[in-house]
Amino acid sequence: MTRNRSLLPPIRRRTVLAGAALALLTSVAPTALAQDISGELVIMQWQGGTDLEMWHEVEAAFIEMHPGVTVREFVPAGGQGDARGGMRTAIMGGEVVDIIINTWPAFRVELMTAGILRPIEEQWETFGWSEQLGDSWKELGSIDGVPYGVTYTYGDRSGIWYKTEHMEKAGIAEPPKTWDEFLASFEKLKAAGYGTPVAIPAKYWAHAEWFESLLLRTAGVDFAAQLARHEVPWTDPKVKEALMKFAEMLEAGCCGDVSVMLANDLDQSYAQIFRADEANYLLIGMWTNSTLKNDYGLTEGEDYSLFQFPALGMGFDDTSSVDTKELNATTNGANPAAADAFLDFIIGPEASDIMARYGYASPSSAMDQSLLGPAQQIATEAVANSKVQFVLGDLLPGDLVDEYRVQLQRFLQDPSEANIDTVLAAIEAKAAVSY
């Protein structure tokens, strides 16, 4: 497998992408089930670390099944921030790929509108994907009822990770279940020597996680979906209520020096908790399970675990934020037969079980559930019993999500009510021109 890297700078405007793509791309007809596929399969790959290691194992298993195929990964330019900018630039620059790994529902719509993605409705029937994926997963990957994405993993984004040793030393017998219990646990952790109870990696995007779960717990999934579509303004009192709850957490002494938060990326926050023993709680996605198992050598359920976001008692405690990763097939890919076969493979037992061993849940019924560890089982059960909503930042247009994250960084620096009003007005001003 070879991996190419684009050196082009990121492009932020969706309208520019659409114009360039329409000139660039040609449409191809969907392919039927292919048994003897061959040739090069090009995948746009932006993952890193353990995710990339897992993906290479998946690719190797696919090649073993289809020895006539070679896989080439195209890696767009970009760092730990949002990868969409580098992906836009690569496509505009003429890069031709067969498959795009995507985690942003809004980006799927953007790519489809620009003529970059081909529908996979015929493939869904031909390959019998409904046998592995329920109708709800088909709907999640669809635009206006037409499927464009095959979801291959999903994660709980309202789960709070912690190091069990820290909780034991702080005398916290079980994870807090309510918001008040959660806030009260900060002083216990500090008394046990953990000066920063909550690690918030605010350098790029992860600081938004707290706001997004708080929005669900204060206003519900329907309101969050309306906000994502800009059917309600960011200045709505319900949005302010979520930030006021976030301010409560900051004022309770959760997070230490704001300059440290703004300087920390996700890797530094992992190290802050699980190596330096300086912090305890971290609200972040289920890839953490794989990172802690494979990069840190920790034992799931013994050295670390997670609990679901604490209840606020405002009528929406049965909600969770979720993310997904899906595969999209392109209109101009040179090997649509191999692309379709890979989409079929990714929800089959071989790929699903590889992901489970790395700590990831697959929506496919072909996955061996017994391979999931205790932390993943907690998260999977929580999601199954929740009203769920996609990660808000993944639903926003690319230019708006940048402003959204910057303004939340400004909120962290000054969580006063007056500044909350200023922050929300700035996001609303950007939203007014982004849809």
Protein backbone atom coordinates (compact mmCIF):
# COMPACT_ATOMS: atom_id res chain seq x y z
CA MET A 1 0.00 0.00 0.00
CA THR A 2 1.31 3.43 -0.87
CA ARG A 3 0.23 6.74 0.60
CA ASN A 4 0.47 10.06 -1.18
CA ARG A 5 0.25 13.43 0.56
CA SER A 6 -1.11 16.62 -0.94
CA LEU A 7 0.73 19.83 -0.06
CA LEU A 8 -2.08 22.15 -1.10
CA PRO A 9 -3.53 24.59 1.49
CA PRO A 10 -7.11 24.04 2.74
CA ILE A 11 -10.02 25.74 0.99
CA ARG A 12 -12.99 26.82 3.07
CA ARG A 13 -15.68 27.95 0.60
CA ARG A 14 -18.19 25.31 -0.44
CA THR A 15 -19.31 27.31 -3.44
CA VAL A 16 -15.82 27.24 -4.90
CA LEU A 17 -15.68 23.48 -4.46
CA ALA A 18 -18.99 22.98 -6.19
CA GLY A 19 -17.96 24.97 -9.26
CA ALA A 20 -14.62 23.22 -9.56
CA ALA A 21 -16.07 19.78 -9.02
CA LEU A 22 -18.73 20.14 -11.68
CA ALA A 23 -16.06 20.93 -14.20
CA LEU A 24 -13.82 18.15 -12.94
CA LEU A 25 -16.04 15.13 -12.40
CA THR A 26 -17.83 12.78 -14.77
CA SER A 27 -20.68 10.52 -13.81
CA VAL A 28 -20.40 6.74 -13.79
CA ALA A 29 -23.15 4.17 -13.67
CA PRO A 30 -23.46 2.04 -10.52
CA THR A 31 -21.77 -1.33 -10.81
CA ALA A 32 -23.27 -4.72 -10.16
CA LEU A 33 -21.92 -7.30 -7.77
CA ALA A 34 -18.35 -8.13 -8.81
CA GLN A 35 -16.73 -11.44 -7.88
CA ASP A 36 -13.41 -11.14 -9.73
CA ILE A 37 -12.27 -7.60 -9.15
CA SER A 38 -8.79 -6.29 -9.82
CA GLY A 39 -6.78 -3.13 -10.30
CA GLU A 40 -5.95 -0.21 -8.04
CA LEU A 41 -8.41 1.01 -5.42
CA VAL A 42 -7.71 4.57 -4.25
CA ILE A 43 -8.99 5.59 -0.81
CA MET A 44 -8.90 9.14 0.56
CA GLN A 45 -7.40 8.51 3.99
CA TRP A 46 -7.04 11.18 6.68
CA GLN A 47 -6.89 9.06 9.85
CA GLY A 48 -3.83 8.67 12.03
CA GLY A 49 -2.46 6.74 14.99
CA THR A 50 -4.29 3.61 16.06
CA ASP A 51 -7.16 4.40 13.68
CA LEU A 52 -4.73 4.19 10.78
CA GLU A 53 -3.19 0.98 12.11
CA MET A 54 -6.63 -0.58 12.33
CA TRP A 55 -7.53 0.62 8.85
CA HIS A 56 -4.39 -0.94 7.37
CA GLU A 57 -5.39 -4.26 8.91
CA VAL A 58 -8.83 -3.92 7.32
CA GLU A 59 -7.25 -3.16 3.95
CA ALA A 60 -4.91 -6.15 4.26
CA ALA A 61 -7.86 -8.45 4.95
CA PHE A 62 -9.67 -7.07 1.89
CA ILE A 63 -6.62 -7.64 -0.32
CA GLU A 64 -6.32 -11.19 0.98
CA MET A 65 -9.90 -11.76 -0.09
CA HIS A 66 -9.34 -10.01 -3.45
CA PRO A 67 -5.67 -10.61 -4.36
CA GLY A 68 -6.08 -8.92 -7.73
CA VAL A 69 -6.62 -5.56 -6.04
CA THR A 70 -3.98 -3.14 -4.79
CA VAL A 71 -4.87 -0.32 -2.43
CA ARG A 72 -3.39 3.16 -2.62
CA GLU A 73 -4.17 5.72 0.06
CA PHE A 74 -4.27 9.39 -0.79
CA VAL A 75 -3.64 11.48 2.34
CA PRO A 76 -4.86 15.09 2.03
CA ALA A 77 -2.92 17.88 3.67
CA GLY A 78 -4.03 18.78 7.18
CA GLY A 79 -3.20 18.25 10.82
CA GLN A 80 -5.31 17.52 13.86
CA GLY A 81 -7.94 20.04 12.89
CA ASP A 82 -10.89 19.48 10.60
CA ALA A 83 -9.71 17.39 7.62
CA ARG A 84 -12.37 18.72 5.27
CA GLY A 85 -10.27 21.64 4.08
CA GLY A 86 -7.47 19.41 2.83
CA MET A 87 -9.98 17.06 1.21
CA ARG A 88 -11.60 19.93 -0.69
CA THR A 89 -8.23 21.12 -1.89
CA ALA A 90 -7.23 17.66 -3.11
CA ILE A 91 -10.46 17.20 -5.07
CA MET A 92 -10.21 20.68 -6.59
CA GLY A 93 -6.61 19.92 -7.52
CA GLY A 94 -7.76 16.99 -9.64
CA GLU A 95 -7.03 14.07 -7.32
CA VAL A 96 -9.10 11.05 -8.34
CA VAL A 97 -10.13 8.60 -5.62
CA ASP A 98 -12.61 5.74 -5.53
CA ILE A 99 -13.65 5.96 -1.87
CA ILE A 100 -13.78 8.76 0.67
CA ILE A 101 -13.68 8.06 4.41
CA ASN A 102 -16.11 10.57 5.88
CA THR A 103 -17.35 11.42 9.36
CA TRP A 104 -19.24 14.68 8.64
CA PRO A 105 -22.89 14.42 7.50
CA ALA A 106 -22.75 18.04 6.32
CA PHE A 107 -19.70 17.23 4.19
CA ARG A 108 -21.56 14.35 2.57
CA VAL A 109 -24.27 16.79 1.49
CA GLU A 110 -21.63 19.21 0.25
CA LEU A 111 -19.90 16.53 -1.82
CA MET A 112 -23.18 15.24 -3.23
CA THR A 113 -24.32 18.74 -4.18
CA ALA A 114 -21.02 19.27 -5.97
CA GLY A 115 -21.50 16.11 -8.02
CA ILE A 116 -18.67 14.21 -6.33
CA LEU A 117 -20.61 11.29 -4.82
CA ARG A 118 -22.61 8.62 -6.59
CA PRO A 119 -25.74 7.16 -5.02
CA ILE A 120 -25.51 3.55 -3.85
CA GLU A 121 -29.18 2.61 -3.79
CA GLU A 122 -28.75 -0.07 -6.46
CA GLN A 123 -25.74 -1.51 -4.64
CA TRP A 124 -27.73 -1.62 -1.40
CA GLU A 125 -30.19 -3.96 -3.06
CA THR A 126 -27.68 -5.96 -5.12
CA PHE A 127 -25.37 -6.71 -2.21
CA GLY A 128 -28.21 -7.15 0.30
CA TRP A 129 -26.79 -4.65 2.78
CA SER A 130 -30.08 -4.48 4.65
CA GLU A 131 -29.21 -7.92 6.03
CA GLN A 132 -26.31 -6.33 7.96
CA LEU A 133 -27.56 -2.75 8.46
CA GLY A 134 -30.98 -1.80 9.79
CA ASP A 135 -33.14 0.81 8.10
CA SER A 136 -32.06 3.48 10.59
CA TRP A 137 -28.43 3.14 9.48
CA LYS A 138 -29.48 3.38 5.85
CA GLU A 139 -31.39 6.55 6.67
CA LEU A 140 -28.41 8.03 8.50
CA GLY A 141 -26.30 7.61 5.35
CA SER A 142 -28.97 9.02 3.03
CA ILE A 143 -29.74 12.40 1.53
CA ASP A 144 -33.40 13.03 0.72
CA GLY A 145 -34.05 9.30 1.02
CA VAL A 146 -31.21 8.24 -1.31
CA PRO A 147 -28.26 6.36 0.30
CA TYR A 148 -24.77 7.80 -0.30
CA GLY A 149 -22.89 6.47 2.73
CA VAL A 150 -22.26 3.07 4.31
CA THR A 151 -21.72 3.48 8.06
CA TYR A 152 -19.02 1.12 9.32
CA THR A 153 -18.54 2.32 12.91
CA TYR A 154 -20.26 4.59 15.38
CA GLY A 155 -19.46 6.01 18.76
CA ASP A 156 -20.94 7.48 21.89
CA ARG A 157 -19.87 11.12 22.22
CA SER A 158 -21.64 11.67 25.54
CA GLY A 159 -19.45 9.24 27.46
CA ILE A 160 -16.97 10.64 30.01
CA TRP A 161 -13.72 8.70 30.33
CA TYR A 162 -11.85 8.40 33.63
CA LYS A 163 -8.93 6.60 35.24
CA THR A 164 -10.22 4.16 37.84
CA GLU A 165 -7.24 4.60 40.17
CA HIS A 166 -7.99 8.32 40.46
CA MET A 167 -11.60 7.69 41.44
CA GLU A 168 -10.56 5.17 44.07
CA LYS A 169 -8.01 7.52 45.63
CA ALA A 170 -10.58 10.32 45.66
CA GLY A 171 -13.07 8.11 47.48
CA ILE A 172 -15.58 8.23 44.61
CA ALA A 173 -17.16 4.79 44.85
CA GLU A 174 -19.10 5.03 41.62
CA PRO A 175 -19.23 7.57 38.77
CA PRO A 176 -21.51 10.56 39.36
CA LYS A 177 -25.01 10.14 37.99
CA THR A 178 -26.32 13.71 38.37
CA TRP A 179 -24.92 17.10 37.45
CA ASP A 180 -24.69 18.13 41.10
CA GLU A 181 -22.79 14.94 41.97
CA PHE A 182 -20.47 15.57 39.05
CA LEU A 183 -19.67 19.13 40.15
CA ALA A 184 -19.21 17.99 43.76
CA SER A 185 -16.65 15.37 42.67
CA PHE A 186 -14.21 18.10 41.60
CA GLU A 187 -13.20 18.93 45.17
CA LYS A 188 -12.74 15.26 46.03
CA LEU A 189 -10.41 14.81 43.06
CA LYS A 190 -8.46 17.93 43.95
CA ALA A 191 -8.08 16.76 47.55
CA ALA A 192 -6.67 13.48 46.23
CA GLY A 193 -4.00 15.40 44.28
CA TYR A 194 -5.63 15.73 40.87
CA GLY A 195 -5.58 19.48 40.43
CA THR A 196 -7.48 19.53 37.14
CA PRO A 197 -10.57 17.31 37.50
CA VAL A 198 -11.61 17.76 33.85
CA ALA A 199 -9.19 17.84 30.91
CA ILE A 200 -10.50 19.99 28.06
CA PRO A 201 -8.32 19.92 24.93
CA ALA A 202 -9.35 23.27 23.46
CA LYS A 203 -6.60 23.83 20.90
CA TYR A 204 -8.64 22.70 17.91
CA TRP A 205 -12.18 21.37 18.33
CA ALA A 206 -12.63 19.05 21.33
CA HIS A 207 -13.80 21.81 23.68
CA ALA A 208 -17.12 21.82 21.80
CA GLU A 209 -17.95 18.33 23.11
CA TRP A 210 -19.17 19.64 26.46
CA PHE A 211 -21.44 22.26 24.93
CA GLU A 212 -22.95 19.74 22.52
CA SER A 213 -23.93 17.18 25.16
CA LEU A 214 -25.16 19.98 27.41
CA LEU A 215 -27.33 21.29 24.57
CA LEU A 216 -28.95 17.86 24.23
CA ARG A 217 -29.51 17.59 28.00
CA THR A 218 -30.99 21.09 28.28
CA ALA A 219 -32.96 21.33 25.00
CA GLY A 220 -33.27 17.85 23.46
CA VAL A 221 -32.41 16.26 20.13
CA ASP A 222 -35.15 17.96 18.11
CA PHE A 223 -33.94 21.42 19.07
CA ALA A 224 -30.32 20.46 18.37
CA ALA A 225 -31.34 19.26 14.90
CA GLN A 226 -33.17 22.53 14.27
CA LEU A 227 -30.11 24.49 15.33
CA ALA A 228 -27.91 22.45 13.00
CA ARG A 229 -30.23 23.34 10.10
CA HIS A 230 -30.39 26.97 11.29
CA GLU A 231 -34.14 26.76 11.74
CA VAL A 232 -33.63 28.45 15.10
CA PRO A 233 -31.01 31.14 15.78
CA TRP A 234 -27.90 30.67 17.87
CA THR A 235 -29.16 33.50 20.06
CA ASP A 236 -32.13 31.38 21.17
CA PRO A 237 -32.43 31.22 24.99
CA LYS A 238 -32.09 27.42 24.88
CA VAL A 239 -28.62 27.70 23.36
CA LYS A 240 -27.68 30.22 26.02
CA GLU A 241 -28.94 27.85 28.72
CA ALA A 242 -26.46 25.18 27.59
CA LEU A 243 -23.55 27.62 27.76
CA MET A 244 -24.69 28.81 31.17
CA LYS A 245 -24.48 25.19 32.38
CA PHE A 246 -21.00 24.96 30.85
CA ALA A 247 -20.12 28.14 32.77
CA GLU A 248 -21.33 26.44 35.97
CA MET A 249 -18.80 23.70 35.40
CA LEU A 250 -15.98 26.18 34.80
CA GLU A 251 -16.92 28.22 37.85
CA ALA A 252 -16.93 25.04 39.97
CA GLY A 253 -13.20 24.71 39.26
CA CYS A 254 -13.29 21.89 36.74
CA CYS A 255 -10.55 22.75 34.40
CA GLY A 256 -7.64 24.80 35.68
CA ASP A 257 -5.82 27.48 33.70
CA VAL A 258 -7.62 28.41 30.48
CA SER A 259 -4.27 28.98 28.75
CA VAL A 260 -3.46 25.30 29.31
CA MET A 261 -6.80 24.26 27.85
CA LEU A 262 -6.22 26.40 24.77
CA ALA A 263 -2.71 25.00 24.32
CA ASN A 264 -3.67 21.33 24.76
CA ASP A 265 -4.62 19.06 21.92
CA LEU A 266 -6.25 15.68 22.44
CA ASP A 267 -2.99 13.74 22.72
CA GLN A 268 -1.79 16.08 25.47
CA SER A 269 -5.04 15.59 27.38
CA TYR A 270 -4.70 11.81 27.17
CA ALA A 271 -1.19 12.14 28.61
CA GLN A 272 -2.41 14.58 31.28
CA ILE A 273 -4.80 11.94 32.62
CA PHE A 274 -3.33 8.56 31.82
CA ARG A 275 0.41 9.26 32.14
CA ALA A 276 0.97 12.36 34.27
CA ASP A 277 -1.98 11.69 36.66
CA GLU A 278 -2.87 15.38 36.68
CA ALA A 279 -6.50 15.18 35.58
CA ASN A 280 -9.32 12.63 35.51
CA TYR A 281 -12.41 13.26 33.35
CA LEU A 282 -12.37 13.53 29.55
CA LEU A 283 -15.45 13.84 27.32
CA ILE A 284 -14.47 12.55 23.89
CA GLY A 285 -15.28 9.88 21.32
CA MET A 286 -14.99 6.11 21.40
CA TRP A 287 -11.68 6.08 19.54
CA THR A 288 -10.31 6.78 23.02
CA ASN A 289 -10.95 3.14 23.83
CA SER A 290 -8.62 2.03 21.07
CA THR A 291 -6.01 4.65 21.99
CA LEU A 292 -5.89 3.62 25.65
CA LYS A 293 -5.77 -0.09 24.84
CA ASN A 294 -3.30 0.00 22.01
CA ASP A 295 -1.16 3.14 22.53
CA TYR A 296 -1.16 3.28 26.34
CA GLY A 297 -1.27 -0.46 27.04
CA LEU A 298 -4.11 -0.09 29.56
CA THR A 299 -6.73 -2.70 30.39
CA GLU A 300 -10.27 -1.73 29.48
CA GLY A 301 -12.64 -1.82 32.44
CA GLU A 302 -9.80 -2.11 34.95
CA ASP A 303 -7.41 0.78 34.36
CA TYR A 304 -10.05 3.02 32.80
CA SER A 305 -13.73 3.15 32.00
CA LEU A 306 -16.45 5.66 31.15
CA PHE A 307 -19.87 6.77 32.34
CA GLN A 308 -22.67 8.49 30.52
CA PHE A 309 -23.13 12.24 30.78
CA PRO A 310 -24.70 13.11 34.15
CA ALA A 311 -28.41 13.80 34.41
CA LEU A 312 -29.51 17.43 34.59
CA GLY A 313 -33.15 16.73 35.44
CA MET A 314 -34.47 19.04 32.73
CA GLY A 315 -36.47 16.42 30.84
CA PHE A 316 -33.82 15.41 28.29
CA ASP A 317 -31.55 13.01 30.16
CA ASP A 318 -32.34 10.20 27.69
CA THR A 319 -30.20 11.84 25.00
CA SER A 320 -26.73 11.17 23.62
CA SER A 321 -24.46 12.70 21.03
CA VAL A 322 -23.10 10.20 18.53
CA ASP A 323 -20.65 10.16 15.67
CA THR A 324 -20.27 7.78 12.77
CA LYS A 325 -17.74 6.97 10.10
CA GLU A 326 -18.94 6.05 6.67
CA LEU A 327 -17.59 5.29 3.22
CA ASN A 328 -18.68 7.29 0.19
CA ALA A 329 -18.11 6.23 -3.41
CA THR A 330 -17.13 8.88 -5.97
CA THR A 331 -18.57 9.57 -9.40
CA ASN A 332 -15.18 9.69 -11.10
CA GLY A 333 -13.35 6.84 -9.41
CA ALA A 334 -11.40 4.65 -11.82
CA ASN A 335 -12.41 1.37 -10.15
CA PRO A 336 -16.09 1.44 -9.11
CA ALA A 337 -16.28 -2.36 -9.00
CA ALA A 338 -13.54 -2.54 -6.37
CA ALA A 339 -15.10 0.39 -4.52
CA ASP A 340 -18.45 -1.38 -4.30
CA ALA A 341 -16.78 -4.59 -3.15
CA PHE A 342 -14.94 -2.68 -0.41
CA LEU A 343 -18.19 -1.08 0.79
CA ASP A 344 -19.63 -4.57 1.00
CA PHE A 345 -16.55 -5.86 2.82
CA ILE A 346 -16.50 -3.08 5.44
CA ILE A 347 -19.78 -4.27 7.00
CA GLY A 348 -18.97 -7.96 6.70
CA PRO A 349 -17.72 -10.18 9.54
CA GLU A 350 -13.99 -9.91 8.74
CA ALA A 351 -13.81 -6.10 8.87
CA SER A 352 -16.35 -5.78 11.71
CA ASP A 353 -14.42 -8.17 13.92
CA ILE A 354 -11.11 -6.40 13.23
CA MET A 355 -12.71 -3.15 14.38
CA ALA A 356 -14.20 -4.79 17.47
CA ARG A 357 -10.77 -6.09 18.49
CA TYR A 358 -9.47 -2.53 18.26
CA GLY A 359 -12.30 -1.32 20.50
CA TYR A 360 -14.75 -0.01 17.92
CA ALA A 361 -18.43 -0.88 17.58
CA SER A 362 -19.85 -1.68 14.17
CA PRO A 363 -23.54 -1.22 13.33
CA SER A 364 -23.35 -4.44 11.32
CA SER A 365 -25.19 -7.50 12.56
CA ALA A 366 -22.20 -9.49 11.27
CA MET A 367 -20.01 -8.25 14.12
CA ASP A 368 -19.25 -10.65 16.98
CA GLN A 369 -20.60 -8.67 19.96
CA SER A 370 -18.60 -10.78 22.41
CA LEU A 371 -15.43 -9.08 21.14
CA LEU A 372 -16.50 -5.76 22.68
CA GLY A 373 -14.89 -4.90 26.01
CA PRO A 374 -16.63 -3.58 29.15
CA ALA A 375 -16.24 0.15 28.39
CA GLN A 376 -17.51 -0.29 24.85
CA GLN A 377 -20.46 -2.31 26.16
CA ILE A 378 -21.37 0.54 28.55
CA ALA A 379 -21.33 2.99 25.65
CA THR A 380 -23.20 0.70 23.27
CA GLU A 381 -25.96 0.12 25.82
CA ALA A 382 -26.21 3.85 26.55
CA VAL A 383 -26.61 4.70 22.87
CA ALA A 384 -29.18 1.91 22.39
CA ASN A 385 -31.29 3.44 25.19
CA SER A 386 -30.93 7.05 24.06
CA LYS A 387 -32.49 9.48 21.68
CA VAL A 388 -29.46 10.27 19.59
CA GLN A 389 -28.23 13.23 17.58
CA PHE A 390 -25.15 13.59 15.41
CA VAL A 391 -22.25 15.62 16.75
CA LEU A 392 -23.36 19.20 16.13
CA GLY A 393 -20.03 20.36 14.72
CA ASP A 394 -20.18 17.58 12.11
CA LEU A 395 -23.53 18.88 10.88
CA LEU A 396 -22.48 22.50 10.37
CA PRO A 397 -21.18 23.98 7.12
CA GLY A 398 -17.38 24.12 7.05
CA ASP A 399 -17.09 27.90 7.27
CA LEU A 400 -19.56 28.06 10.17
CA VAL A 401 -17.92 25.29 12.18
CA ASP A 402 -14.64 27.23 12.22
CA GLU A 403 -16.36 30.30 13.69
CA TYR A 404 -18.30 28.13 16.12
CA ARG A 405 -15.13 26.62 17.55
CA VAL A 406 -13.29 29.93 17.76
CA GLN A 407 -16.20 31.55 19.59
CA LEU A 408 -16.36 28.67 22.08
CA GLN A 409 -12.66 29.25 22.77
CA ARG A 410 -13.55 32.86 23.54
CA PHE A 411 -16.27 31.63 25.87
CA LEU A 412 -13.71 29.55 27.78
CA GLN A 413 -11.65 32.68 28.32
CA ASP A 414 -14.64 34.60 29.68
CA PRO A 415 -17.71 32.50 30.66
CA SER A 416 -19.67 35.51 31.91
CA GLU A 417 -23.30 35.91 30.84
CA ALA A 418 -22.47 39.08 28.93
CA ASN A 419 -19.76 37.32 26.94
CA ILE A 420 -22.05 34.35 26.29
CA ASP A 421 -24.42 36.78 24.56
CA THR A 422 -21.50 38.18 22.53
CA VAL A 423 -20.27 34.71 21.55
CA LEU A 424 -23.69 33.52 20.41
CA ALA A 425 -24.32 36.71 18.45
CA ALA A 426 -21.04 36.18 16.59
CA ILE A 427 -21.92 32.56 15.71
CA GLU A 428 -25.39 33.65 14.58
CA ALA A 429 -23.89 36.36 12.36
CA LYS A 430 -21.76 33.73 10.63
CA ALA A 431 -24.66 31.28 10.37
CA ALA A 432 -26.75 33.94 8.63
CA VAL A 433 -24.40 33.82 5.61
CA SER A 434 -23.37 30.14 5.73
CA TYR A 435 -26.54 28.36 4.59
